[in-house]
Full PDB file with SEQRES, HELIX, SHEET, SSBOND, CRYST1, ORIGX, SCALE, CONECT and MASTER records, all heavy atoms in Angstrom:
SEQRES   1 A   40  ASP ARG PRO GLY GLY TYR THR ARG VAL LEU LYS THR GLY          
SEQRES   2 A   40  PHE ARG GLN GLY ASP GLY ALA GLU MET ALA LEU ILE GLU          
SEQRES   3 A   40  LEU VAL ASP PHE ASN GLU ALA ALA LEU ALA SER ALA PRO          
SEQRES   4 A   40  LYS                                                          
HELIX    1 AA1 VAL A   28  PHE A   30  5                                   3    
HELIX    2 AA2 GLU A   32  ALA A   36  1                                   5    
SHEET    1 AA1 2 THR A   7  PHE A  14  0                                        
SHEET    2 AA1 2 GLU A  21  LEU A  27 -1                                        
CRYST1    1.000    1.000    1.000  90.00  90.00  90.00 P 1           1          
ORIGX1      1.000000  0.000000  0.000000        0.00000                         
ORIGX2      0.000000  1.000000  0.000000        0.00000                         
ORIGX3      0.000000  0.000000  1.000000        0.00000                         
SCALE1      1.000000  0.000000  0.000000        0.00000                         
SCALE2      0.000000  1.000000  0.000000        0.00000                         
SCALE3      0.000000  0.000000  1.000000        0.00000                         
ATOM      1  N   ASP A   1       0.801  -1.213  -0.001  1.00  0.00           N  
ATOM      2  CA  ASP A   1       0.001   0.000  -0.001  1.00  0.00           C  
ATOM      3  C   ASP A   1       0.837   1.275   0.001  1.00  0.00           C  
ATOM      4  O   ASP A   1       0.306   2.371  -0.104  1.00  0.00           O  
ATOM      5  CB  ASP A   1      -0.922   0.023   1.220  1.00  0.00           C  
ATOM      6  CG  ASP A   1      -0.156  -0.116   2.527  1.00  0.00           C  
ATOM      7  OD1 ASP A   1       0.988  -0.589   2.476  1.00  0.00           O  
ATOM      8  OD2 ASP A   1      -0.704   0.267   3.571  1.00  0.00           O  
ATOM      9  N   ARG A   2       2.154   1.154   0.099  1.00  0.00           N  
ATOM     10  CA  ARG A   2       3.033   2.338   0.117  1.00  0.00           C  
ATOM     11  C   ARG A   2       3.280   2.815  -1.317  1.00  0.00           C  
ATOM     12  O   ARG A   2       3.664   2.033  -2.173  1.00  0.00           O  
ATOM     13  CB  ARG A   2       4.354   1.968   0.805  1.00  0.00           C  
ATOM     14  CG  ARG A   2       5.329   3.119   0.932  1.00  0.00           C  
ATOM     15  CD  ARG A   2       6.587   2.683   1.645  1.00  0.00           C  
ATOM     16  NE  ARG A   2       6.347   2.545   3.071  1.00  0.00           N  
ATOM     17  CZ  ARG A   2       6.465   3.544   3.940  1.00  0.00           C  
ATOM     18  NH1 ARG A   2       6.783   4.752   3.520  1.00  0.00           N  
ATOM     19  NH2 ARG A   2       6.255   3.338   5.224  1.00  0.00           N  
ATOM     20  N   PRO A   3       3.092   4.102  -1.600  1.00  0.00           N  
ATOM     21  CA  PRO A   3       3.244   4.574  -2.982  1.00  0.00           C  
ATOM     22  C   PRO A   3       4.683   4.829  -3.410  1.00  0.00           C  
ATOM     23  O   PRO A   3       4.942   5.154  -4.560  1.00  0.00           O  
ATOM     24  CB  PRO A   3       2.457   5.892  -2.983  1.00  0.00           C  
ATOM     25  CG  PRO A   3       2.526   6.353  -1.580  1.00  0.00           C  
ATOM     26  CD  PRO A   3       2.539   5.115  -0.727  1.00  0.00           C  
ATOM     27  N   GLY A   4       5.645   4.703  -2.537  1.00  0.00           N  
ATOM     28  CA  GLY A   4       7.048   4.938  -2.884  1.00  0.00           C  
ATOM     29  C   GLY A   4       7.825   5.211  -1.612  1.00  0.00           C  
ATOM     30  O   GLY A   4       7.281   5.173  -0.509  1.00  0.00           O  
ATOM     31  N   GLY A   5       9.103   5.505  -1.755  1.00  0.00           N  
ATOM     32  CA  GLY A   5       9.921   5.800  -0.591  1.00  0.00           C  
ATOM     33  C   GLY A   5      10.108   4.596   0.286  1.00  0.00           C  
ATOM     34  O   GLY A   5       9.798   4.616   1.472  1.00  0.00           O  
ATOM     35  N   TYR A   6      10.625   3.522  -0.276  1.00  0.00           N  
ATOM     36  CA  TYR A   6      10.748   2.250   0.447  1.00  0.00           C  
ATOM     37  C   TYR A   6      12.010   2.174   1.298  1.00  0.00           C  
ATOM     38  O   TYR A   6      12.125   1.294   2.132  1.00  0.00           O  
ATOM     39  CB  TYR A   6      10.759   1.092  -0.547  1.00  0.00           C  
ATOM     40  CG  TYR A   6       9.655   1.155  -1.560  1.00  0.00           C  
ATOM     41  CD1 TYR A   6       9.939   1.384  -2.901  1.00  0.00           C  
ATOM     42  CD2 TYR A   6       8.323   1.007  -1.179  1.00  0.00           C  
ATOM     43  CE1 TYR A   6       8.922   1.446  -3.835  1.00  0.00           C  
ATOM     44  CE2 TYR A   6       7.315   1.082  -2.110  1.00  0.00           C  
ATOM     45  CZ  TYR A   6       7.620   1.300  -3.444  1.00  0.00           C  
ATOM     46  OH  TYR A   6       6.623   1.378  -4.368  1.00  0.00           O  
ATOM     47  N   THR A   7      12.970   3.057   1.042  1.00  0.00           N  
ATOM     48  CA  THR A   7      14.229   3.007   1.772  1.00  0.00           C  
ATOM     49  C   THR A   7      14.480   4.314   2.498  1.00  0.00           C  
ATOM     50  O   THR A   7      13.933   5.355   2.150  1.00  0.00           O  
ATOM     51  CB  THR A   7      15.417   2.734   0.827  1.00  0.00           C  
ATOM     52  OG1 THR A   7      15.461   3.740  -0.175  1.00  0.00           O  
ATOM     53  CG2 THR A   7      15.298   1.368   0.181  1.00  0.00           C  
ATOM     54  N   ARG A   8      15.334   4.229   3.516  1.00  0.00           N  
ATOM     55  CA  ARG A   8      15.707   5.410   4.310  1.00  0.00           C  
ATOM     56  C   ARG A   8      17.221   5.411   4.435  1.00  0.00           C  
ATOM     57  O   ARG A   8      17.832   4.388   4.736  1.00  0.00           O  
ATOM     58  CB  ARG A   8      15.066   5.277   5.696  1.00  0.00           C  
ATOM     59  CG  ARG A   8      15.467   6.323   6.682  1.00  0.00           C  
ATOM     60  CD  ARG A   8      14.913   6.035   8.068  1.00  0.00           C  
ATOM     61  NE  ARG A   8      13.453   6.000   8.083  1.00  0.00           N  
ATOM     62  CZ  ARG A   8      12.730   5.007   8.583  1.00  0.00           C  
ATOM     63  NH1 ARG A   8      13.317   3.961   9.120  1.00  0.00           N  
ATOM     64  NH2 ARG A   8      11.428   5.061   8.585  1.00  0.00           N  
ATOM     65  N   VAL A   9      17.848   6.574   4.212  1.00  0.00           N  
ATOM     66  CA  VAL A   9      19.290   6.724   4.345  1.00  0.00           C  
ATOM     67  C   VAL A   9      19.560   7.603   5.550  1.00  0.00           C  
ATOM     68  O   VAL A   9      19.107   8.736   5.618  1.00  0.00           O  
ATOM     69  CB  VAL A   9      19.914   7.353   3.080  1.00  0.00           C  
ATOM     70  CG1 VAL A   9      21.399   7.577   3.274  1.00  0.00           C  
ATOM     71  CG2 VAL A   9      19.669   6.477   1.866  1.00  0.00           C  
ATOM     72  N   LEU A  10      20.277   7.047   6.537  1.00  0.00           N  
ATOM     73  CA  LEU A  10      20.626   7.783   7.759  1.00  0.00           C  
ATOM     74  C   LEU A  10      22.142   7.929   7.816  1.00  0.00           C  
ATOM     75  O   LEU A  10      22.872   6.930   7.804  1.00  0.00           O  
ATOM     76  CB  LEU A  10      20.153   7.005   8.995  1.00  0.00           C  
ATOM     77  CG  LEU A  10      18.670   6.707   9.056  1.00  0.00           C  
ATOM     78  CD1 LEU A  10      18.384   5.688  10.139  1.00  0.00           C  
ATOM     79  CD2 LEU A  10      17.905   7.972   9.306  1.00  0.00           C  
ATOM     80  N   LYS A  11      22.625   9.159   7.885  1.00  0.00           N  
ATOM     81  CA  LYS A  11      24.067   9.385   7.948  1.00  0.00           C  
ATOM     82  C   LYS A  11      24.570   9.044   9.347  1.00  0.00           C  
ATOM     83  O   LYS A  11      23.956   9.429  10.342  1.00  0.00           O  
ATOM     84  CB  LYS A  11      24.386  10.831   7.594  1.00  0.00           C  
ATOM     85  CG  LYS A  11      24.034  11.143   6.153  1.00  0.00           C  
ATOM     86  CD  LYS A  11      24.361  12.558   5.772  1.00  0.00           C  
ATOM     87  CE  LYS A  11      23.985  12.797   4.335  1.00  0.00           C  
ATOM     88  NZ  LYS A  11      24.233  14.177   3.924  1.00  0.00           N  
ATOM     89  N   THR A  12      25.698   8.321   9.408  1.00  0.00           N  
ATOM     90  CA  THR A  12      26.174   7.843  10.706  1.00  0.00           C  
ATOM     91  C   THR A  12      27.526   8.406  11.114  1.00  0.00           C  
ATOM     92  O   THR A  12      28.041   8.051  12.161  1.00  0.00           O  
ATOM     93  CB  THR A  12      26.285   6.306  10.698  1.00  0.00           C  
ATOM     94  OG1 THR A  12      27.167   5.918   9.642  1.00  0.00           O  
ATOM     95  CG2 THR A  12      24.938   5.669  10.497  1.00  0.00           C  
ATOM     96  N   GLY A  13      28.123   9.250  10.303  1.00  0.00           N  
ATOM     97  CA  GLY A  13      29.416   9.822  10.680  1.00  0.00           C  
ATOM     98  C   GLY A  13      30.466   9.522   9.633  1.00  0.00           C  
ATOM     99  O   GLY A  13      30.148   9.319   8.456  1.00  0.00           O  
ATOM    100  N   PHE A  14      31.712   9.485  10.076  1.00  0.00           N  
ATOM    101  CA  PHE A  14      32.813   9.306   9.142  1.00  0.00           C  
ATOM    102  C   PHE A  14      33.601   8.053   9.491  1.00  0.00           C  
ATOM    103  O   PHE A  14      33.770   7.722  10.664  1.00  0.00           O  
ATOM    104  CB  PHE A  14      33.732  10.540   9.189  1.00  0.00           C  
ATOM    105  CG  PHE A  14      33.032  11.793   8.748  1.00  0.00           C  
ATOM    106  CD1 PHE A  14      32.435  12.620   9.679  1.00  0.00           C  
ATOM    107  CD2 PHE A  14      32.937  12.112   7.410  1.00  0.00           C  
ATOM    108  CE1 PHE A  14      31.769  13.757   9.284  1.00  0.00           C  
ATOM    109  CE2 PHE A  14      32.277  13.241   7.009  1.00  0.00           C  
ATOM    110  CZ  PHE A  14      31.684  14.082   7.934  1.00  0.00           C  
ATOM    111  N   ARG A  15      34.099   7.369   8.458  1.00  0.00           N  
ATOM    112  CA  ARG A  15      34.867   6.146   8.649  1.00  0.00           C  
ATOM    113  C   ARG A  15      36.241   6.488   9.211  1.00  0.00           C  
ATOM    114  O   ARG A  15      36.848   7.479   8.823  1.00  0.00           O  
ATOM    115  CB  ARG A  15      34.986   5.414   7.305  1.00  0.00           C  
ATOM    116  CG  ARG A  15      35.580   4.047   7.412  1.00  0.00           C  
ATOM    117  CD  ARG A  15      35.272   3.173   6.232  1.00  0.00           C  
ATOM    118  NE  ARG A  15      35.550   3.794   4.951  1.00  0.00           N  
ATOM    119  CZ  ARG A  15      35.032   3.359   3.796  1.00  0.00           C  
ATOM    120  NH1 ARG A  15      34.224   2.347   3.777  1.00  0.00           N  
ATOM    121  NH2 ARG A  15      35.324   3.973   2.669  1.00  0.00           N  
ATOM    122  N   GLN A  16      36.719   5.660  10.112  1.00  0.00           N  
ATOM    123  CA  GLN A  16      37.976   5.924  10.810  1.00  0.00           C  
ATOM    124  C   GLN A  16      39.168   5.956   9.850  1.00  0.00           C  
ATOM    125  O   GLN A  16      40.005   6.826   9.919  1.00  0.00           O  
ATOM    126  CB  GLN A  16      38.200   4.847  11.881  1.00  0.00           C  
ATOM    127  CG  GLN A  16      39.437   5.075  12.732  1.00  0.00           C  
ATOM    128  CD  GLN A  16      39.295   6.273  13.642  1.00  0.00           C  
ATOM    129  OE1 GLN A  16      38.207   6.570  14.119  1.00  0.00           O  
ATOM    130  NE2 GLN A  16      40.386   6.983  13.873  1.00  0.00           N  
ATOM    131  N   GLY A  17      39.247   5.016   8.939  1.00  0.00           N  
ATOM    132  CA  GLY A  17      40.438   4.860   8.115  1.00  0.00           C  
ATOM    133  C   GLY A  17      40.664   5.978   7.117  1.00  0.00           C  
ATOM    134  O   GLY A  17      41.743   6.579   7.062  1.00  0.00           O  
ATOM    135  N   ASP A  18      39.645   6.301   6.319  1.00  0.00           N  
ATOM    136  CA  ASP A  18      39.846   7.271   5.249  1.00  0.00           C  
ATOM    137  C   ASP A  18      38.937   8.494   5.356  1.00  0.00           C  
ATOM    138  O   ASP A  18      38.969   9.363   4.508  1.00  0.00           O  
ATOM    139  CB  ASP A  18      39.645   6.609   3.889  1.00  0.00           C  
ATOM    140  CG  ASP A  18      38.262   6.020   3.718  1.00  0.00           C  
ATOM    141  OD1 ASP A  18      37.481   6.023   4.692  1.00  0.00           O  
ATOM    142  OD2 ASP A  18      37.956   5.547   2.615  1.00  0.00           O  
ATOM    143  N   GLY A  19      38.092   8.544   6.373  1.00  0.00           N  
ATOM    144  CA  GLY A  19      37.234   9.712   6.561  1.00  0.00           C  
ATOM    145  C   GLY A  19      36.047   9.753   5.642  1.00  0.00           C  
ATOM    146  O   GLY A  19      35.411  10.805   5.506  1.00  0.00           O  
ATOM    147  N   ALA A  20      35.711   8.639   4.985  1.00  0.00           N  
ATOM    148  CA  ALA A  20      34.553   8.612   4.100  1.00  0.00           C  
ATOM    149  C   ALA A  20      33.275   8.752   4.916  1.00  0.00           C  
ATOM    150  O   ALA A  20      33.162   8.193   6.002  1.00  0.00           O  
ATOM    151  CB  ALA A  20      34.526   7.316   3.314  1.00  0.00           C  
ATOM    152  N   GLU A  21      32.317   9.511   4.393  1.00  0.00           N  
ATOM    153  CA  GLU A  21      31.048   9.695   5.098  1.00  0.00           C  
ATOM    154  C   GLU A  21      30.232   8.411   4.999  1.00  0.00           C  
ATOM    155  O   GLU A  21      29.979   7.922   3.899  1.00  0.00           O  
ATOM    156  CB  GLU A  21      30.276  10.864   4.503  1.00  0.00           C  
ATOM    157  CG  GLU A  21      29.091  11.258   5.325  1.00  0.00           C  
ATOM    158  CD  GLU A  21      28.404  12.507   4.801  1.00  0.00           C  
ATOM    159  OE1 GLU A  21      28.803  13.018   3.757  1.00  0.00           O  
ATOM    160  OE2 GLU A  21      27.438  12.921   5.457  1.00  0.00           O  
ATOM    161  N   MET A  22      29.833   7.871   6.135  1.00  0.00           N  
ATOM    162  CA  MET A  22      29.120   6.606   6.182  1.00  0.00           C  
ATOM    163  C   MET A  22      27.625   6.841   6.382  1.00  0.00           C  
ATOM    164  O   MET A  22      27.218   7.868   6.943  1.00  0.00           O  
ATOM    165  CB  MET A  22      29.657   5.723   7.313  1.00  0.00           C  
ATOM    166  CG  MET A  22      31.125   5.373   7.167  1.00  0.00           C  
ATOM    167  SD  MET A  22      31.477   4.444   5.669  1.00  0.00           S  
ATOM    168  CE  MET A  22      30.822   2.864   6.120  1.00  0.00           C  
ATOM    169  N   ALA A  23      26.839   5.868   5.946  1.00  0.00           N  
ATOM    170  CA  ALA A  23      25.390   5.965   6.077  1.00  0.00           C  
ATOM    171  C   ALA A  23      24.804   4.578   6.280  1.00  0.00           C  
ATOM    172  O   ALA A  23      25.395   3.563   5.891  1.00  0.00           O  
ATOM    173  CB  ALA A  23      24.775   6.610   4.837  1.00  0.00           C  
ATOM    174  N   LEU A  24      23.646   4.564   6.898  1.00  0.00           N  
ATOM    175  CA  LEU A  24      22.890   3.343   7.115  1.00  0.00           C  
ATOM    176  C   LEU A  24      21.703   3.413   6.179  1.00  0.00           C  
ATOM    177  O   LEU A  24      20.959   4.392   6.211  1.00  0.00           O  
ATOM    178  CB  LEU A  24      22.424   3.303   8.569  1.00  0.00           C  
ATOM    179  CG  LEU A  24      21.876   2.018   9.109  1.00  0.00           C  
ATOM    180  CD1 LEU A  24      23.030   1.045   9.311  1.00  0.00           C  
ATOM    181  CD2 LEU A  24      21.196   2.268  10.432  1.00  0.00           C  
ATOM    182  N   ILE A  25      21.538   2.425   5.317  1.00  0.00           N  
ATOM    183  CA  ILE A  25      20.365   2.390   4.437  1.00  0.00           C  
ATOM    184  C   ILE A  25      19.531   1.198   4.860  1.00  0.00           C  
ATOM    185  O   ILE A  25      20.048   0.111   5.100  1.00  0.00           O  
ATOM    186  CB  ILE A  25      20.745   2.337   2.934  1.00  0.00           C  
ATOM    187  CG1 ILE A  25      19.490   2.357   2.057  1.00  0.00           C  
ATOM    188  CG2 ILE A  25      21.636   1.175   2.615  1.00  0.00           C  
ATOM    189  CD1 ILE A  25      19.756   2.621   0.595  1.00  0.00           C  
ATOM    190  N   GLU A  26      18.229   1.436   5.010  1.00  0.00           N  
ATOM    191  CA  GLU A  26      17.342   0.392   5.502  1.00  0.00           C  
ATOM    192  C   GLU A  26      16.004   0.458   4.794  1.00  0.00           C  
ATOM    193  O   GLU A  26      15.626   1.497   4.250  1.00  0.00           O  
ATOM    194  CB  GLU A  26      17.146   0.517   7.013  1.00  0.00           C  
ATOM    195  CG  GLU A  26      16.490   1.812   7.432  1.00  0.00           C  
ATOM    196  CD  GLU A  26      16.424   1.979   8.928  1.00  0.00           C  
ATOM    197  OE1 GLU A  26      16.961   1.119   9.651  1.00  0.00           O  
ATOM    198  OE2 GLU A  26      15.838   2.968   9.361  1.00  0.00           O  
ATOM    199  N   LEU A  27      15.292  -0.668   4.826  1.00  0.00           N  
ATOM    200  CA  LEU A  27      13.934  -0.704   4.309  1.00  0.00           C  
ATOM    201  C   LEU A  27      13.005  -0.109   5.372  1.00  0.00           C  
ATOM    202  O   LEU A  27      13.058  -0.494   6.538  1.00  0.00           O  
ATOM    203  CB  LEU A  27      13.532  -2.141   3.979  1.00  0.00           C  
ATOM    204  CG  LEU A  27      14.333  -2.778   2.845  1.00  0.00           C  
ATOM    205  CD1 LEU A  27      13.968  -4.251   2.719  1.00  0.00           C  
ATOM    206  CD2 LEU A  27      14.107  -2.065   1.537  1.00  0.00           C  
ATOM    207  N   VAL A  28      12.171   0.823   4.976  1.00  0.00           N  
ATOM    208  CA  VAL A  28      11.390   1.618   5.924  1.00  0.00           C  
ATOM    209  C   VAL A  28      10.440   0.756   6.750  1.00  0.00           C  
ATOM    210  O   VAL A  28      10.369   0.889   7.963  1.00  0.00           O  
ATOM    211  CB  VAL A  28      10.612   2.716   5.166  1.00  0.00           C  
ATOM    212  CG1 VAL A  28       9.645   3.417   6.079  1.00  0.00           C  
ATOM    213  CG2 VAL A  28      11.571   3.698   4.549  1.00  0.00           C  
ATOM    214  N   ASP A  29       9.713  -0.137   6.135  1.00  0.00           N  
ATOM    215  CA  ASP A  29       8.694  -0.918   6.844  1.00  0.00           C  
ATOM    216  C   ASP A  29       9.265  -2.056   7.675  1.00  0.00           C  
ATOM    217  O   ASP A  29       8.506  -2.765   8.319  1.00  0.00           O  
ATOM    218  CB  ASP A  29       7.674  -1.478   5.845  1.00  0.00           C  
ATOM    219  CG  ASP A  29       6.821  -0.386   5.237  1.00  0.00           C  
ATOM    220  OD1 ASP A  29       6.584   0.606   5.944  1.00  0.00           O  
ATOM    221  OD2 ASP A  29       6.413  -0.513   4.079  1.00  0.00           O  
ATOM    222  N   PHE A  30      10.569  -2.242   7.672  1.00  0.00           N  
ATOM    223  CA  PHE A  30      11.147  -3.367   8.402  1.00  0.00           C  
ATOM    224  C   PHE A  30      11.931  -2.936   9.619  1.00  0.00           C  
ATOM    225  O   PHE A  30      12.513  -3.760  10.304  1.00  0.00           O  
ATOM    226  CB  PHE A  30      12.044  -4.197   7.474  1.00  0.00           C  
ATOM    227  CG  PHE A  30      11.240  -5.009   6.513  1.00  0.00           C  
ATOM    228  CD1 PHE A  30      10.841  -4.480   5.303  1.00  0.00           C  
ATOM    229  CD2 PHE A  30      10.850  -6.290   6.828  1.00  0.00           C  
ATOM    230  CE1 PHE A  30      10.082  -5.222   4.433  1.00  0.00           C  
ATOM    231  CE2 PHE A  30      10.096  -7.040   5.961  1.00  0.00           C  
ATOM    232  CZ  PHE A  30       9.706  -6.499   4.761  1.00  0.00           C  
ATOM    233  N   ASN A  31      11.949  -1.663   9.932  1.00  0.00           N  
ATOM    234  CA  ASN A  31      12.610  -1.187  11.148  1.00  0.00           C  
ATOM    235  C   ASN A  31      11.574  -1.120  12.244  1.00  0.00           C  
ATOM    236  O   ASN A  31      10.953  -0.078  12.492  1.00  0.00           O  
ATOM    237  CB  ASN A  31      13.263   0.173  10.905  1.00  0.00           C  
ATOM    238  CG  ASN A  31      14.111   0.609  12.069  1.00  0.00           C  
ATOM    239  OD1 ASN A  31      14.118  -0.031  13.113  1.00  0.00           O  
ATOM    240  ND2 ASN A  31      14.817   1.688  11.887  1.00  0.00           N  
ATOM    241  N   GLU A  32      11.353  -2.236  12.924  1.00  0.00           N  
ATOM    242  CA  GLU A  32      10.293  -2.337  13.934  1.00  0.00           C  
ATOM    243  C   GLU A  32      10.547  -1.398  15.110  1.00  0.00           C  
ATOM    244  O   GLU A  32       9.617  -0.833  15.670  1.00  0.00           O  
ATOM    245  CB  GLU A  32      10.192  -3.787  14.442  1.00  0.00           C  
ATOM    246  CG  GLU A  32       9.875  -4.793  13.351  1.00  0.00           C  
ATOM    247  CD  GLU A  32       8.559  -4.533  12.628  1.00  0.00           C  
ATOM    248  OE1 GLU A  32       7.655  -3.956  13.229  1.00  0.00           O  
ATOM    249  OE2 GLU A  32       8.452  -4.902  11.453  1.00  0.00           O  
ATOM    250  N   ALA A  33      11.793  -1.209  15.501  1.00  0.00           N  
ATOM    251  CA  ALA A  33      12.097  -0.335  16.644  1.00  0.00           C  
ATOM    252  C   ALA A  33      11.694   1.100  16.342  1.00  0.00           C  
ATOM    253  O   ALA A  33      11.086   1.768  17.173  1.00  0.00           O  
ATOM    254  CB  ALA A  33      13.576  -0.414  16.977  1.00  0.00           C  
ATOM    255  N   ALA A  34      12.016   1.576  15.142  1.00  0.00           N  
ATOM    256  CA  ALA A  34      11.673   2.959  14.790  1.00  0.00           C  
ATOM    257  C   ALA A  34      10.167   3.115  14.603  1.00  0.00           C  
ATOM    258  O   ALA A  34       9.593   4.144  14.961  1.00  0.00           O  
ATOM    259  CB  ALA A  34      12.394   3.374  13.515  1.00  0.00           C  
ATOM    260  N   LEU A  35       9.522   2.091  14.057  1.00  0.00           N  
ATOM    261  CA  LEU A  35       8.073   2.174  13.852  1.00  0.00           C  
ATOM    262  C   LEU A  35       7.319   2.184  15.164  1.00  0.00           C  
ATOM    263  O   LEU A  35       6.359   2.934  15.341  1.00  0.00           O  
ATOM    264  CB  LEU A  35       7.588   0.986  13.006  1.00  0.00           C  
ATOM    265  CG  LEU A  35       8.015   0.964  11.549  1.00  0.00           C  
ATOM    266  CD1 LEU A  35       7.595  -0.338  10.900  1.00  0.00           C  
ATOM    267  CD2 LEU A  35       7.412   2.133  10.801  1.00  0.00           C  
ATOM    268  N   ALA A  36       7.741   1.385  16.107  1.00  0.00           N  
ATOM    269  CA  ALA A  36       6.995   1.230  17.362  1.00  0.00           C  
ATOM    270  C   ALA A  36       7.324   2.301  18.392  1.00  0.00           C  
ATOM    271  O   ALA A  36       6.426   2.906  18.970  1.00  0.00           O  
ATOM    272  CB  ALA A  36       7.271  -0.145  17.945  1.00  0.00           C  
ATOM    273  N   SER A  37       8.591   2.568  18.643  1.00  0.00           N  
ATOM    274  CA  SER A  37       8.948   3.383  19.803  1.00  0.00           C  
ATOM    275  C   SER A  37       9.112   4.868  19.522  1.00  0.00           C  
ATOM    276  O   SER A  37       8.695   5.684  20.331  1.00  0.00           O  
ATOM    277  CB  SER A  37      10.234   2.844  20.409  1.00  0.00           C  
ATOM    278  OG  SER A  37      11.296   2.998  19.501  1.00  0.00           O  
ATOM    279  N   ALA A  38       9.727   5.241  18.447  1.00  0.00           N  
ATOM    280  CA  ALA A  38      10.106   6.645  18.251  1.00  0.00           C  
ATOM    281  C   ALA A  38       8.915   7.617  18.250  1.00  0.00           C  
ATOM    282  O   ALA A  38       8.929   8.569  19.015  1.00  0.00           O  
ATOM    283  CB  ALA A  38      10.907   6.788  16.965  1.00  0.00           C  
ATOM    284  N   PRO A  39       7.870   7.422  17.473  1.00  0.00           N  
ATOM    285  CA  PRO A  39       6.802   8.412  17.483  1.00  0.00           C  
ATOM    286  C   PRO A  39       6.067   8.481  18.820  1.00  0.00           C  
ATOM    287  O   PRO A  39       5.735   9.562  19.277  1.00  0.00           O  
ATOM    288  CB  PRO A  39       5.845   7.951  16.383  1.00  0.00           C  
ATOM    289  CG  PRO A  39       6.647   7.054  15.519  1.00  0.00           C  
ATOM    290  CD  PRO A  39       7.690   6.440  16.411  1.00  0.00           C  
ATOM    291  N   LYS A  40       5.842   7.353  19.477  1.00  0.00           N  
ATOM    292  CA  LYS A  40       5.113   7.354  20.737  1.00  0.00           C  
ATOM    293  C   LYS A  40       5.892   8.100  21.812  1.00  0.00           C  
ATOM    294  O   LYS A  40       5.340   8.905  22.528  1.00  0.00           O  
ATOM    295  CB  LYS A  40       4.825   5.925  21.189  1.00  0.00           C  
ATOM    296  CG  LYS A  40       3.825   5.221  20.296  1.00  0.00           C  
ATOM    297  CD  LYS A  40       3.593   3.814  20.765  1.00  0.00           C  
ATOM    298  CE  LYS A  40       2.679   3.067  19.809  1.00  0.00           C  
ATOM    299  NZ  LYS A  40       2.539   1.670  20.173  1.00  0.00           N  
TER     300      LYS A  40                                                      
MASTER        0    0    0    2    2    0    0    6  299    1    0    4          
END                                                                             
């Protein structure tokens, strides 16, 4: 039923070795912790 926007990119900081900017990419409907706890 979702019309789009299936993934979420969260920036997590910089990598220790070369300083590359790191990110966490996840499927939106499968992050149960964020769905259940954060808005409440």
